[in-house]
C-alpha atoms as a PDB file:
ATOM      1  CA  MET A   1      56.119   6.798   9.202  1.00  0.00           C
ATOM      2  CA  ALA A   2      55.095  10.081   7.578  1.00  0.00           C
ATOM      3  CA  CYS A   3      51.452   8.974   7.651  1.00  0.00           C
ATOM      4  CA  LEU A   4      51.613   8.383  11.405  1.00  0.00           C
ATOM      5  CA  LYS A   5      52.956  11.863  12.091  1.00  0.00           C
ATOM      6  CA  LYS A   6      50.284  13.455   9.925  1.00  0.00           C
ATOM      7  CA  LYS A   7      47.541  11.444  11.606  1.00  0.00           C
ATOM      8  CA  LYS A   8      48.801  12.401  15.056  1.00  0.00           C
ATOM      9  CA  HIS A   9      48.913  16.058  14.053  1.00  0.00           C
ATOM     10  CA  SER A  10      45.345  16.022  12.745  1.00  0.00           C
ATOM     11  CA  SER A  11      44.210  14.287  15.927  1.00  0.00           C
ATOM     12  CA  THR A  12      45.879  16.981  18.025  1.00  0.00           C
ATOM     13  CA  ALA A  13      44.342  19.710  15.876  1.00  0.00           C
ATOM     14  CA  ALA A  14      40.905  18.130  16.245  1.00  0.00           C
ATOM     15  CA  LEU A  15      41.357  17.925  20.009  1.00  0.00           C
ATOM     16  CA  HIS A  16      42.435  21.562  20.126  1.00  0.00           C
ATOM     17  CA  SER A  17      39.463  22.590  17.988  1.00  0.00           C
ATOM     18  CA  SER A  18      37.066  20.641  20.202  1.00  0.00           C
ATOM     19  CA  PHE A  19      38.498  22.275  23.304  1.00  0.00           C
ATOM     20  CA  VAL A  20      38.155  25.751  21.800  1.00  0.00           C
ATOM     21  CA  HIS A  21      34.530  25.097  20.829  1.00  0.00           C
ATOM     22  CA  PHE A  22      33.743  23.705  24.282  1.00  0.00           C
ATOM     23  CA  PHE A  23      35.390  26.691  25.955  1.00  0.00           C
ATOM     24  CA  LEU A  24      33.446  29.188  23.828  1.00  0.00           C
ATOM     25  CA  VAL A  25      30.095  27.484  24.457  1.00  0.00           C
ATOM     26  CA  PHE A  26      30.841  27.177  28.171  1.00  0.00           C
ATOM     27  CA  SER A  27      31.837  30.857  28.390  1.00  0.00           C
ATOM     28  CA  LEU A  28      28.645  31.904  26.626  1.00  0.00           C
ATOM     29  CA  LEU A  29      26.558  29.791  28.981  1.00  0.00           C
ATOM     30  CA  ILE A  30      28.244  31.262  32.058  1.00  0.00           C
ATOM     31  CA  ALA A  31      27.774  34.797  30.691  1.00  0.00           C
ATOM     32  CA  CYS A  32      24.042  34.200  30.169  1.00  0.00           C
ATOM     33  CA  VAL A  33      23.629  32.837  33.686  1.00  0.00           C
ATOM     34  CA  ALA A  34      25.557  35.771  35.162  1.00  0.00           C
ATOM     35  CA  VAL A  35      23.403  38.296  33.315  1.00  0.00           C
ATOM     36  CA  GLN A  36      20.210  36.587  34.494  1.00  0.00           C
ATOM     37  CA  ALA A  37      21.448  36.623  38.087  1.00  0.00           C
ATOM     38  CA  PHE A  38      21.770  40.415  38.165  1.00  0.00           C
ATOM     39  CA  THR A  39      18.613  41.519  36.355  1.00  0.00           C
ATOM     40  CA  GLY A  40      15.368  42.420  38.028  1.00  0.00           C
ATOM     41  CA  THR A  41      16.590  42.680  41.603  1.00  0.00           C
ATOM     42  CA  TYR A  42      15.716  45.725  43.686  1.00  0.00           C
ATOM     43  CA  GLY A  43      16.279  46.494  47.309  1.00  0.00           C
ATOM     44  CA  ILE A  44      15.366  49.341  49.593  1.00  0.00           C
ATOM     45  CA  ASN A  45      18.037  50.489  52.035  1.00  0.00           C
ATOM     46  CA  TYR A  46      16.408  51.598  55.287  1.00  0.00           C
ATOM     47  CA  GLY A  47      19.652  52.646  56.950  1.00  0.00           C
ATOM     48  CA  ARG A  48      20.940  51.500  60.328  1.00  0.00           C
ATOM     49  CA  ILE A  49      17.999  52.571  62.482  1.00  0.00           C
ATOM     50  CA  ALA A  50      15.180  52.064  59.942  1.00  0.00           C
ATOM     51  CA  ASP A  51      13.250  55.038  61.271  1.00  0.00           C
ATOM     52  CA  ASN A  52      12.617  56.549  57.845  1.00  0.00           C
ATOM     53  CA  ILE A  53      10.787  53.711  56.093  1.00  0.00           C
ATOM     54  CA  PRO A  54       9.105  54.892  52.871  1.00  0.00           C
ATOM     55  CA  SER A  55       5.416  54.348  52.284  1.00  0.00           C
ATOM     56  CA  PRO A  56       4.331  51.660  49.789  1.00  0.00           C
ATOM     57  CA  ASP A  57       3.406  54.379  47.266  1.00  0.00           C
ATOM     58  CA  LYS A  58       6.883  55.900  47.554  1.00  0.00           C
ATOM     59  CA  VAL A  59       8.488  52.469  47.075  1.00  0.00           C
ATOM     60  CA  VAL A  60       6.464  51.917  43.892  1.00  0.00           C
ATOM     61  CA  SER A  61       7.550  55.284  42.513  1.00  0.00           C
ATOM     62  CA  LEU A  62      11.198  54.525  43.358  1.00  0.00           C
ATOM     63  CA  ILE A  63      11.054  51.175  41.575  1.00  0.00           C
ATOM     64  CA  ARG A  64       9.376  52.707  38.520  1.00  0.00           C
ATOM     65  CA  ALA A  65      12.034  55.433  38.407  1.00  0.00           C
ATOM     66  CA  GLY A  66      14.742  52.761  38.438  1.00  0.00           C
ATOM     67  CA  GLN A  67      13.224  50.932  35.468  1.00  0.00           C
ATOM     68  CA  GLN A  68      13.374  53.945  33.125  1.00  0.00           C
ATOM     69  CA  ARG A  69      16.950  53.391  31.951  1.00  0.00           C
END
């Protein structure tokens, strides 16, 4: 009877350990995907009327200024 309890406990501990490892790997994977989703995206806000659109040269200088962090 004592052997059965010990075996059940080790099985539960192994299950818990497997779950913790799965959770950590899954969290790391999600974090990597989230970081990739938000890198390298730029947008130019033209406002509501869009009557002050910057020239292509000005856009290039704005993007270069944003990359110098």
